[in-house]
């Protein structure tokens, strides 16, 4: 009975150590390659630039319309 307890304790001890080391290495393994990160950024920028340009164009158009409206108000006075 004593041998079984020691054997069980040894098994649990050896089973516990590899489990701990795997948990520590998991975040490291999830890191992406620098080239993968660059590709991801390039794809995101490729989609985001036209949207940003469209928003800027819309804002400029609204500013121009607002300036024309103010000029018309000043002429009517």
PDB file of N, CA and C in Angstrom:
ATOM      1  N   UNK A   1       0.820  -1.189   0.000  1.00  0.00           N
ATOM      2  CA  UNK A   1       0.000   0.000   0.000  1.00  0.00           C
ATOM      3  C   UNK A   1       0.872   1.265   0.000  1.00  0.00           C
ATOM      4  N   UNK A   2       1.963   1.193   0.753  1.00  0.00           N
ATOM      5  CA  UNK A   2       2.861   2.328   0.847  1.00  0.00           C
ATOM      6  C   UNK A   2       3.519   2.597  -0.509  1.00  0.00           C
ATOM      7  N   UNK A   3       3.864   1.546  -1.222  1.00  0.00           N
ATOM      8  CA  UNK A   3       4.477   1.699  -2.542  1.00  0.00           C
ATOM      9  C   UNK A   3       3.512   2.322  -3.525  1.00  0.00           C
ATOM     10  N   UNK A   4       2.267   1.963  -3.466  1.00  0.00           N
ATOM     11  CA  UNK A   4       1.253   2.509  -4.374  1.00  0.00           C
ATOM     12  C   UNK A   4       1.093   4.008  -4.129  1.00  0.00           C
ATOM     13  N   UNK A   5       1.105   4.415  -2.881  1.00  0.00           N
ATOM     14  CA  UNK A   5       0.987   5.848  -2.558  1.00  0.00           C
ATOM     15  C   UNK A   5       2.185   6.616  -3.100  1.00  0.00           C
ATOM     16  N   UNK A   6       3.405   6.070  -2.911  1.00  0.00           N
ATOM     17  CA  UNK A   6       4.593   6.739  -3.421  1.00  0.00           C
ATOM     18  C   UNK A   6       4.589   6.801  -4.944  1.00  0.00           C
ATOM     19  N   UNK A   7       4.157   5.711  -5.566  1.00  0.00           N
ATOM     20  CA  UNK A   7       4.084   5.664  -7.023  1.00  0.00           C
ATOM     21  C   UNK A   7       3.068   6.683  -7.535  1.00  0.00           C
ATOM     22  N   UNK A   8       1.926   6.761  -6.881  1.00  0.00           N
ATOM     23  CA  UNK A   8       0.898   7.723  -7.257  1.00  0.00           C
ATOM     24  C   UNK A   8       1.391   9.159  -7.062  1.00  0.00           C
ATOM     25  N   UNK A   9       2.095   9.413  -5.987  1.00  0.00           N
ATOM     26  CA  UNK A   9       2.632  10.752  -5.731  1.00  0.00           C
ATOM     27  C   UNK A   9       3.671  11.118  -6.790  1.00  0.00           C
ATOM     28  N   UNK A  10       4.514  10.174  -7.154  1.00  0.00           N
ATOM     29  CA  UNK A  10       5.520  10.429  -8.179  1.00  0.00           C
ATOM     30  C   UNK A  10       4.858  10.691  -9.527  1.00  0.00           C
ATOM     31  N   UNK A  11       3.835   9.934  -9.865  1.00  0.00           N
ATOM     32  CA  UNK A  11       3.112  10.135 -11.122  1.00  0.00           C
ATOM     33  C   UNK A  11       2.459  11.509 -11.166  1.00  0.00           C
ATOM     34  N   UNK A  12       1.831  11.898 -10.083  1.00  0.00           N
ATOM     35  CA  UNK A  12       1.200  13.218 -10.028  1.00  0.00           C
ATOM     36  C   UNK A  12       2.241  14.331 -10.135  1.00  0.00           C
ATOM     37  N   UNK A  13       3.375  14.147  -9.507  1.00  0.00           N
ATOM     38  CA  UNK A  13       4.433  15.152  -9.557  1.00  0.00           C
ATOM     39  C   UNK A  13       4.965  15.313 -10.980  1.00  0.00           C
ATOM     40  N   UNK A  14       5.228  14.206 -11.668  1.00  0.00           N
ATOM     41  CA  UNK A  14       5.729  14.280 -13.040  1.00  0.00           C
ATOM     42  C   UNK A  14       4.667  14.766 -14.021  1.00  0.00           C
ATOM     43  N   UNK A  15       3.430  14.467 -13.745  1.00  0.00           N
ATOM     44  CA  UNK A  15       2.354  14.938 -14.624  1.00  0.00           C
ATOM     45  C   UNK A  15       2.124  16.435 -14.439  1.00  0.00           C
ATOM     46  N   UNK A  16       2.413  16.944 -13.254  1.00  0.00           N
ATOM     47  CA  UNK A  16       2.180  18.354 -12.959  1.00  0.00           C
ATOM     48  C   UNK A  16       3.220  19.241 -13.630  1.00  0.00           C
ATOM     49  N   UNK A  17       4.490  18.847 -13.685  1.00  0.00           N
ATOM     50  CA  UNK A  17       5.548  19.682 -14.257  1.00  0.00           C
ATOM     51  C   UNK A  17       5.354  19.979 -15.745  1.00  0.00           C
ATOM     52  N   UNK A  18       5.083  19.017 -16.605  1.00  0.00           N
ATOM     53  CA  UNK A  18       4.878  19.367 -18.026  1.00  0.00           C
ATOM     54  C   UNK A  18       3.662  20.261 -18.234  1.00  0.00           C
ATOM     55  N   UNK A  19       2.657  20.103 -17.407  1.00  0.00           N
ATOM     56  CA  UNK A  19       1.478  20.959 -17.525  1.00  0.00           C
ATOM     57  C   UNK A  19       1.800  22.412 -17.238  1.00  0.00           C
ATOM     58  N   UNK A  20       2.666  22.660 -16.302  1.00  0.00           N
ATOM     59  CA  UNK A  20       3.058  24.031 -15.965  1.00  0.00           C
ATOM     60  C   UNK A  20       3.888  24.656 -17.080  1.00  0.00           C
ATOM     61  N   UNK A  21       4.792  23.892 -17.648  1.00  0.00           N
ATOM     62  CA  UNK A  21       5.651  24.467 -18.679  1.00  0.00           C
ATOM     63  C   UNK A  21       4.860  24.760 -19.947  1.00  0.00           C
ATOM     64  N   UNK A  22       3.849  24.006 -20.267  1.00  0.00           N
ATOM     65  CA  UNK A  22       3.036  24.261 -21.458  1.00  0.00           C
ATOM     66  C   UNK A  22       2.238  25.549 -21.307  1.00  0.00           C
ATOM     67  N   UNK A  23       1.756  25.816 -20.112  1.00  0.00           N
ATOM     68  CA  UNK A  23       0.986  27.032 -19.889  1.00  0.00           C
ATOM     69  C   UNK A  23       1.855  28.273 -20.043  1.00  0.00           C
ATOM     70  N   UNK A  24       3.111  28.189 -19.658  1.00  0.00           N
ATOM     71  CA  UNK A  24       4.009  29.330 -19.770  1.00  0.00           C
ATOM     72  C   UNK A  24       4.401  29.600 -21.217  1.00  0.00           C
ATOM     73  N   UNK A  25       4.472  28.567 -22.043  1.00  0.00           N
ATOM     74  CA  UNK A  25       4.889  28.727 -23.423  1.00  0.00           C
ATOM     75  C   UNK A  25       3.740  29.105 -24.348  1.00  0.00           C
ATOM     76  N   UNK A  26       2.528  28.992 -23.903  1.00  0.00           N
ATOM     77  CA  UNK A  26       1.381  29.250 -24.764  1.00  0.00           C
ATOM     78  C   UNK A  26       1.351  30.684 -25.300  1.00  0.00           C
ATOM     79  N   UNK A  27       1.529  31.738 -24.495  1.00  0.00           N
ATOM     80  CA  UNK A  27       1.501  33.093 -25.066  1.00  0.00           C
ATOM     81  C   UNK A  27       2.618  33.332 -26.077  1.00  0.00           C
ATOM     82  N   UNK A  28       3.769  32.714 -25.859  1.00  0.00           N
ATOM     83  CA  UNK A  28       4.880  32.873 -26.781  1.00  0.00           C
ATOM     84  C   UNK A  28       4.547  32.263 -28.140  1.00  0.00           C
ATOM     85  N   UNK A  29       3.885  31.128 -28.124  1.00  0.00           N
ATOM     86  CA  UNK A  29       3.566  30.433 -29.368  1.00  0.00           C
ATOM     87  C   UNK A  29       2.503  31.182 -30.165  1.00  0.00           C
ATOM     88  N   UNK A  30       1.727  32.017 -29.519  1.00  0.00           N
ATOM     89  CA  UNK A  30       0.647  32.723 -30.207  1.00  0.00           C
ATOM     90  C   UNK A  30       1.124  33.979 -30.917  1.00  0.00           C
ATOM     91  N   UNK A  31       2.357  34.369 -30.727  1.00  0.00           N
ATOM     92  CA  UNK A  31       2.865  35.557 -31.404  1.00  0.00           C
ATOM     93  C   UNK A  31       2.958  35.300 -32.902  1.00  0.00           C
ATOM     94  N   UNK A  32       2.635  36.292 -33.673  1.00  0.00           N
ATOM     95  CA  UNK A  32       2.676  36.163 -35.124  1.00  0.00           C
ATOM     96  C   UNK A  32       4.053  36.569 -35.643  1.00  0.00           C
ATOM     97  N   UNK A  33       4.348  36.141 -36.843  1.00  0.00           N
ATOM     98  CA  UNK A  33       5.580  36.549 -37.507  1.00  0.00           C
ATOM     99  C   UNK A  33       5.540  38.045 -37.787  1.00  0.00           C
ATOM    100  N   UNK A  34       6.681  38.704 -37.801  1.00  0.00           N
ATOM    101  CA  UNK A  34       6.682  40.129 -38.174  1.00  0.00           C
ATOM    102  C   UNK A  34       6.148  40.339 -39.590  1.00  0.00           C
ATOM    103  N   UNK A  35       6.450  39.407 -40.491  1.00  0.00           N
ATOM    104  CA  UNK A  35       5.942  39.555 -41.855  1.00  0.00           C
ATOM    105  C   UNK A  35       4.423  39.392 -41.895  1.00  0.00           C
ATOM    106  N   UNK A  36       3.889  38.532 -41.052  1.00  0.00           N
ATOM    107  CA  UNK A  36       2.441  38.359 -40.983  1.00  0.00           C
ATOM    108  C   UNK A  36       1.784  39.620 -40.433  1.00  0.00           C
ATOM    109  N   UNK A  37       2.418  40.221 -39.422  1.00  0.00           N
ATOM    110  CA  UNK A  37       1.882  41.460 -38.859  1.00  0.00           C
ATOM    111  C   UNK A  37       1.922  42.586 -39.892  1.00  0.00           C
ATOM    112  N   UNK A  38       3.003  42.646 -40.677  1.00  0.00           N
ATOM    113  CA  UNK A  38       3.102  43.675 -41.713  1.00  0.00           C
ATOM    114  C   UNK A  38       2.026  43.471 -42.773  1.00  0.00           C
ATOM    115  N   UNK A  39       1.787  42.224 -43.142  1.00  0.00           N
ATOM    116  CA  UNK A  39       0.755  41.939 -44.137  1.00  0.00           C
ATOM    117  C   UNK A  39      -0.626  42.311 -43.602  1.00  0.00           C
ATOM    118  N   UNK A  40      -0.867  42.025 -42.350  1.00  0.00           N
ATOM    119  CA  UNK A  40      -2.152  42.376 -41.732  1.00  0.00           C
ATOM    120  C   UNK A  40      -2.344  43.888 -41.724  1.00  0.00           C
ATOM    121  N   UNK A  41      -1.302  44.621 -41.356  1.00  0.00           N
ATOM    122  CA  UNK A  41      -1.380  46.085 -41.344  1.00  0.00           C
ATOM    123  C   UNK A  41      -1.607  46.638 -42.755  1.00  0.00           C
ATOM    124  N   UNK A  42      -0.941  46.055 -43.745  1.00  0.00           N
ATOM    125  CA  UNK A  42      -1.095  46.526 -45.123  1.00  0.00           C
ATOM    126  C   UNK A  42      -2.518  46.300 -45.611  1.00  0.00           C
ATOM    127  N   UNK A  43      -3.093  45.164 -45.295  1.00  0.00           N
ATOM    128  CA  UNK A  43      -4.470  44.876 -45.719  1.00  0.00           C
ATOM    129  C   UNK A  43      -5.440  45.819 -45.024  1.00  0.00           C
ATOM    130  N   UNK A  44      -5.227  46.064 -43.734  1.00  0.00           N
ATOM    131  CA  UNK A  44      -6.105  46.972 -42.998  1.00  0.00           C
ATOM    132  C   UNK A  44      -6.017  48.381 -43.569  1.00  0.00           C
ATOM    133  N   UNK A  45      -4.787  48.837 -43.873  1.00  0.00           N
ATOM    134  CA  UNK A  45      -4.607  50.164 -44.459  1.00  0.00           C
ATOM    135  C   UNK A  45      -5.228  50.248 -45.842  1.00  0.00           C
ATOM    136  N   UNK A  46      -5.125  49.178 -46.601  1.00  0.00           N
ATOM    137  CA  UNK A  46      -5.687  49.156 -47.953  1.00  0.00           C
ATOM    138  C   UNK A  46      -7.195  49.392 -47.916  1.00  0.00           C
ATOM    139  N   UNK A  47      -7.861  48.855 -46.921  1.00  0.00           N
ATOM    140  CA  UNK A  47      -9.301  49.061 -46.790  1.00  0.00           C
ATOM    141  C   UNK A  47      -9.658  50.364 -46.107  1.00  0.00           C
ATOM    142  N   UNK A  48      -8.791  50.845 -45.227  1.00  0.00           N
ATOM    143  CA  UNK A  48      -9.106  52.031 -44.431  1.00  0.00           C
ATOM    144  C   UNK A  48      -8.844  53.328 -45.181  1.00  0.00           C
ATOM    145  N   UNK A  49      -7.850  53.374 -46.045  1.00  0.00           N
ATOM    146  CA  UNK A  49      -7.514  54.624 -46.753  1.00  0.00           C
ATOM    147  C   UNK A  49      -8.658  55.175 -47.584  1.00  0.00           C
ATOM    148  N   UNK A  50      -9.324  54.382 -48.403  1.00  0.00           N
ATOM    149  CA  UNK A  50     -10.449  54.944 -49.170  1.00  0.00           C
ATOM    150  C   UNK A  50     -11.569  55.470 -48.278  1.00  0.00           C
ATOM    151  N   UNK A  51     -11.795  54.800 -47.170  1.00  0.00           N
ATOM    152  CA  UNK A  51     -12.839  55.260 -46.243  1.00  0.00           C
ATOM    153  C   UNK A  51     -12.444  56.603 -45.649  1.00  0.00           C
ATOM    154  N   UNK A  52     -11.189  56.736 -45.246  1.00  0.00           N
ATOM    155  CA  UNK A  52     -10.714  58.008 -44.684  1.00  0.00           C
ATOM    156  C   UNK A  52     -10.788  59.133 -45.719  1.00  0.00           C
ATOM    157  N   UNK A  53     -10.427  58.825 -46.960  1.00  0.00           N
ATOM    158  CA  UNK A  53     -10.489  59.835 -48.014  1.00  0.00           C
ATOM    159  C   UNK A  53     -11.932  60.263 -48.278  1.00  0.00           C
ATOM    160  N   UNK A  54     -12.842  59.324 -48.273  1.00  0.00           N
ATOM    161  CA  UNK A  54     -14.250  59.648 -48.493  1.00  0.00           C
ATOM    162  C   UNK A  54     -14.786  60.522 -47.358  1.00  0.00           C
ATOM    163  N   UNK A  55     -14.413  60.215 -46.142  1.00  0.00           N
ATOM    164  CA  UNK A  55     -14.862  61.034 -45.002  1.00  0.00           C
ATOM    165  C   UNK A  55     -14.288  62.450 -45.090  1.00  0.00           C
ATOM    166  N   UNK A  56     -13.039  62.558 -45.484  1.00  0.00           N
ATOM    167  CA  UNK A  56     -12.421  63.878 -45.623  1.00  0.00           C
ATOM    168  C   UNK A  56     -13.094  64.686 -46.726  1.00  0.00           C
ATOM    169  N   UNK A  57     -13.397  64.024 -47.842  1.00  0.00           N
ATOM    170  CA  UNK A  57     -14.082  64.705 -48.946  1.00  0.00           C
ATOM    171  C   UNK A  57     -15.468  65.167 -48.516  1.00  0.00           C
ATOM    172  N   UNK A  58     -16.176  64.331 -47.772  1.00  0.00           N
ATOM    173  CA  UNK A  58     -17.500  64.711 -47.289  1.00  0.00           C
ATOM    174  C   UNK A  58     -17.409  65.905 -46.342  1.00  0.00           C
ATOM    175  N   UNK A  59     -16.419  65.890 -45.467  1.00  0.00           N
ATOM    176  CA  UNK A  59     -16.256  67.002 -44.531  1.00  0.00           C
ATOM    177  C   UNK A  59     -15.937  68.296 -45.275  1.00  0.00           C
ATOM    178  N   UNK A  60     -15.072  68.221 -46.285  1.00  0.00           N
ATOM    179  CA  UNK A  60     -14.752  69.418 -47.069  1.00  0.00           C
ATOM    180  C   UNK A  60     -15.989  69.943 -47.802  1.00  0.00           C
ATOM    181  N   UNK A  61     -16.800  69.037 -48.339  1.00  0.00           N
ATOM    182  CA  UNK A  61     -18.026  69.443 -49.025  1.00  0.00           C
ATOM    183  C   UNK A  61     -18.998  70.121 -48.074  1.00  0.00           C
ATOM    184  N   UNK A  62     -19.131  69.569 -46.873  1.00  0.00           N
ATOM    185  CA  UNK A  62     -20.020  70.180 -45.877  1.00  0.00           C
ATOM    186  C   UNK A  62     -19.504  71.555 -45.462  1.00  0.00           C
ATOM    187  N   UNK A  63     -18.195  71.684 -45.308  1.00  0.00           N
ATOM    188  CA  UNK A  63     -17.610  72.983 -44.955  1.00  0.00           C
ATOM    189  C   UNK A  63     -17.879  74.010 -46.062  1.00  0.00           C
ATOM    190  N   UNK A  64     -17.733  73.574 -47.296  1.00  0.00           N
ATOM    191  CA  UNK A  64     -17.963  74.479 -48.433  1.00  0.00           C
ATOM    192  C   UNK A  64     -19.426  74.900 -48.494  1.00  0.00           C
ATOM    193  N   UNK A  65     -20.329  73.950 -48.302  1.00  0.00           N
ATOM    194  CA  UNK A  65     -21.762  74.266 -48.313  1.00  0.00           C
ATOM    195  C   UNK A  65     -22.101  75.237 -47.186  1.00  0.00           C
ATOM    196  N   UNK A  66     -21.521  75.012 -46.021  1.00  0.00           N
ATOM    197  CA  UNK A  66     -21.766  75.902 -44.887  1.00  0.00           C
ATOM    198  C   UNK A  66     -21.253  77.307 -45.184  1.00  0.00           C
ATOM    199  N   UNK A  67     -20.090  77.416 -45.830  1.00  0.00           N
ATOM    200  CA  UNK A  67     -19.528  78.726 -46.175  1.00  0.00           C
ATOM    201  C   UNK A  67     -20.404  79.436 -47.202  1.00  0.00           C
ATOM    202  N   UNK A  68     -20.920  78.700 -48.176  1.00  0.00           N
ATOM    203  CA  UNK A  68     -21.811  79.295 -49.183  1.00  0.00           C
ATOM    204  C   UNK A  68     -23.094  79.780 -48.527  1.00  0.00           C
ATOM    205  N   UNK A  69     -23.659  78.983 -47.608  1.00  0.00           N
ATOM    206  CA  UNK A  69     -24.888  79.379 -46.905  1.00  0.00           C
ATOM    207  C   UNK A  69     -24.670  80.650 -46.096  1.00  0.00           C
ATOM    208  N   UNK A  70     -23.539  80.750 -45.426  1.00  0.00           N
ATOM    209  CA  UNK A  70     -23.245  81.952 -44.645  1.00  0.00           C
ATOM    210  C   UNK A  70     -23.069  83.161 -45.556  1.00  0.00           C
ATOM    211  N   UNK A  71     -22.427  82.980 -46.697  1.00  0.00           N
ATOM    212  CA  UNK A  71     -22.247  84.083 -47.629  1.00  0.00           C
ATOM    213  C   UNK A  71     -23.591  84.545 -48.173  1.00  0.00           C
ATOM    214  N   UNK A  72     -24.496  83.617 -48.451  1.00  0.00           N
ATOM    215  CA  UNK A  72     -25.829  83.978 -48.953  1.00  0.00           C
ATOM    216  C   UNK A  72     -26.635  84.731 -47.894  1.00  0.00           C
ATOM    217  N   UNK A  73     -26.489  84.343 -46.640  1.00  0.00           N
ATOM    218  CA  UNK A  73     -27.182  85.043 -45.556  1.00  0.00           C
ATOM    219  C   UNK A  73     -26.687  86.486 -45.463  1.00  0.00           C
ATOM    220  N   UNK A  74     -25.379  86.671 -45.626  1.00  0.00           N
ATOM    221  CA  UNK A  74     -24.807  88.017 -45.542  1.00  0.00           C
ATOM    222  C   UNK A  74     -25.246  88.874 -46.714  1.00  0.00           C
ATOM    223  N   UNK A  75     -25.474  88.302 -47.897  1.00  0.00           N
ATOM    224  CA  UNK A  75     -25.912  89.062 -49.049  1.00  0.00           C
ATOM    225  C   UNK A  75     -27.378  89.494 -48.896  1.00  0.00           C
ATOM    226  N   UNK A  76     -28.188  88.679 -48.256  1.00  0.00           N
ATOM    227  CA  UNK A  76     -29.615  88.962 -48.103  1.00  0.00           C
ATOM    228  C   UNK A  76     -29.893  90.002 -47.032  1.00  0.00           C
ATOM    229  N   UNK A  77     -28.955  90.369 -46.243  1.00  0.00           N
ATOM    230  CA  UNK A  77     -29.187  91.356 -45.190  1.00  0.00           C
ATOM    231  C   UNK A  77     -29.185  92.727 -45.691  1.00  0.00           C
TER     232      UNK A  77
END
